[in-house]
């Protein structure tokens, strides 16, 4: 007996009922690959966000130092 699983709209995916079709080992391996991929994507995304944040902090800090230096030079 096959199982029919709704996929999109009125479309269904027919899954075989026998154990040769989809095994728990395959599903577990797929879940592991997905988890590893998500960890890499998250790490890469976090590194990009951190780099952007540090660039903004550095630019803001540099602007403040320059403004203070210019104020001191003009005061003399």
C-alpha atoms as a PDB file:
ATOM      1  CA  UNK A   1       0.000   0.000   0.000  1.00  0.00           C
ATOM      2  CA  UNK A   2       1.378   3.396  -0.948  1.00  0.00           C
ATOM      3  CA  UNK A   3       0.975   6.654   0.944  1.00  0.00           C
ATOM      4  CA  UNK A   4      -0.004   9.814  -0.900  1.00  0.00           C
ATOM      5  CA  UNK A   5       1.423  12.982   0.640  1.00  0.00           C
ATOM      6  CA  UNK A   6       0.188  16.455  -0.398  1.00  0.00           C
ATOM      7  CA  UNK A   7       3.093  18.526  -1.714  1.00  0.00           C
ATOM      8  CA  UNK A   8       1.757  21.650  -3.434  1.00  0.00           C
ATOM      9  CA  UNK A   9      -1.828  22.608  -4.076  1.00  0.00           C
ATOM     10  CA  UNK A  10      -3.582  19.544  -5.437  1.00  0.00           C
ATOM     11  CA  UNK A  11      -0.343  17.714  -6.280  1.00  0.00           C
ATOM     12  CA  UNK A  12       0.621  14.684  -4.238  1.00  0.00           C
ATOM     13  CA  UNK A  13       3.780  12.673  -3.852  1.00  0.00           C
ATOM     14  CA  UNK A  14       3.263   8.919  -3.782  1.00  0.00           C
ATOM     15  CA  UNK A  15       5.593   7.258  -1.317  1.00  0.00           C
ATOM     16  CA  UNK A  16       6.262   3.519  -1.460  1.00  0.00           C
ATOM     17  CA  UNK A  17       5.058   1.505   1.494  1.00  0.00           C
ATOM     18  CA  UNK A  18       7.954  -0.946   1.436  1.00  0.00           C
ATOM     19  CA  UNK A  19      11.152  -0.423   3.398  1.00  0.00           C
ATOM     20  CA  UNK A  20      13.237  -0.152   0.203  1.00  0.00           C
ATOM     21  CA  UNK A  21      11.759   3.233  -0.678  1.00  0.00           C
ATOM     22  CA  UNK A  22      12.783   5.561   2.127  1.00  0.00           C
ATOM     23  CA  UNK A  23      14.871   4.333   5.010  1.00  0.00           C
ATOM     24  CA  UNK A  24      15.357   5.900   8.402  1.00  0.00           C
ATOM     25  CA  UNK A  25      19.118   5.917   7.764  1.00  0.00           C
ATOM     26  CA  UNK A  26      18.632   8.045   4.628  1.00  0.00           C
ATOM     27  CA  UNK A  27      16.345  10.446   6.464  1.00  0.00           C
ATOM     28  CA  UNK A  28      18.819  10.723   9.338  1.00  0.00           C
ATOM     29  CA  UNK A  29      21.716  11.342   6.949  1.00  0.00           C
ATOM     30  CA  UNK A  30      19.692  14.016   5.132  1.00  0.00           C
ATOM     31  CA  UNK A  31      18.879  15.686   8.453  1.00  0.00           C
ATOM     32  CA  UNK A  32      22.571  15.649   9.416  1.00  0.00           C
ATOM     33  CA  UNK A  33      23.610  17.196   6.101  1.00  0.00           C
ATOM     34  CA  UNK A  34      20.935  19.869   6.462  1.00  0.00           C
ATOM     35  CA  UNK A  35      22.017  20.656  10.033  1.00  0.00           C
ATOM     36  CA  UNK A  36      25.673  20.951   8.976  1.00  0.00           C
ATOM     37  CA  UNK A  37      24.740  23.211   6.064  1.00  0.00           C
ATOM     38  CA  UNK A  38      22.608  25.443   8.283  1.00  0.00           C
ATOM     39  CA  UNK A  39      25.446  25.710  10.810  1.00  0.00           C
ATOM     40  CA  UNK A  40      27.825  26.835   8.044  1.00  0.00           C
ATOM     41  CA  UNK A  41      25.317  29.324   6.652  1.00  0.00           C
ATOM     42  CA  UNK A  42      24.646  30.716  10.129  1.00  0.00           C
ATOM     43  CA  UNK A  43      28.375  30.994  10.882  1.00  0.00           C
ATOM     44  CA  UNK A  44      29.044  32.720   7.555  1.00  0.00           C
ATOM     45  CA  UNK A  45      26.105  35.085   8.029  1.00  0.00           C
ATOM     46  CA  UNK A  46      27.166  35.935  11.585  1.00  0.00           C
ATOM     47  CA  UNK A  47      30.720  36.609  10.417  1.00  0.00           C
ATOM     48  CA  UNK A  48      29.391  38.994   7.743  1.00  0.00           C
ATOM     49  CA  UNK A  49      27.157  40.795  10.238  1.00  0.00           C
ATOM     50  CA  UNK A  50      30.023  41.112  12.714  1.00  0.00           C
ATOM     51  CA  UNK A  51      32.375  42.422  10.016  1.00  0.00           C
ATOM     52  CA  UNK A  52      29.801  45.010   8.906  1.00  0.00           C
ATOM     53  CA  UNK A  53      29.183  46.080  12.505  1.00  0.00           C
ATOM     54  CA  UNK A  54      32.916  46.412  13.206  1.00  0.00           C
ATOM     55  CA  UNK A  55      33.364  48.469  10.037  1.00  0.00           C
ATOM     56  CA  UNK A  56      30.600  50.826  11.155  1.00  0.00           C
ATOM     57  CA  UNK A  57      32.059  51.124  14.672  1.00  0.00           C
ATOM     58  CA  UNK A  58      35.535  51.766  13.271  1.00  0.00           C
ATOM     59  CA  UNK A  59      34.221  54.413  10.836  1.00  0.00           C
ATOM     60  CA  UNK A  60      32.250  56.122  13.612  1.00  0.00           C
ATOM     61  CA  UNK A  61      35.233  56.007  15.963  1.00  0.00           C
ATOM     62  CA  UNK A  62      37.551  57.386  13.273  1.00  0.00           C
ATOM     63  CA  UNK A  63      35.099  60.219  12.548  1.00  0.00           C
ATOM     64  CA  UNK A  64      34.945  61.136  16.249  1.00  0.00           C
ATOM     65  CA  UNK A  65      38.733  61.117  16.598  1.00  0.00           C
ATOM     66  CA  UNK A  66      39.097  63.272  13.489  1.00  0.00           C
ATOM     67  CA  UNK A  67      36.444  65.725  14.728  1.00  0.00           C
ATOM     68  CA  UNK A  68      38.179  65.993  18.111  1.00  0.00           C
ATOM     69  CA  UNK A  69      41.566  66.490  16.443  1.00  0.00           C
ATOM     70  CA  UNK A  70      40.169  69.181  14.137  1.00  0.00           C
ATOM     71  CA  UNK A  71      38.532  70.943  17.098  1.00  0.00           C
ATOM     72  CA  UNK A  72      41.881  70.969  18.929  1.00  0.00           C
ATOM     73  CA  UNK A  73      43.756  72.232  15.856  1.00  0.00           C
ATOM     74  CA  UNK A  74      41.232  75.015  15.270  1.00  0.00           C
ATOM     75  CA  UNK A  75      41.347  75.980  18.961  1.00  0.00           C
ATOM     76  CA  UNK A  76      45.101  76.544  18.795  1.00  0.00           C
END
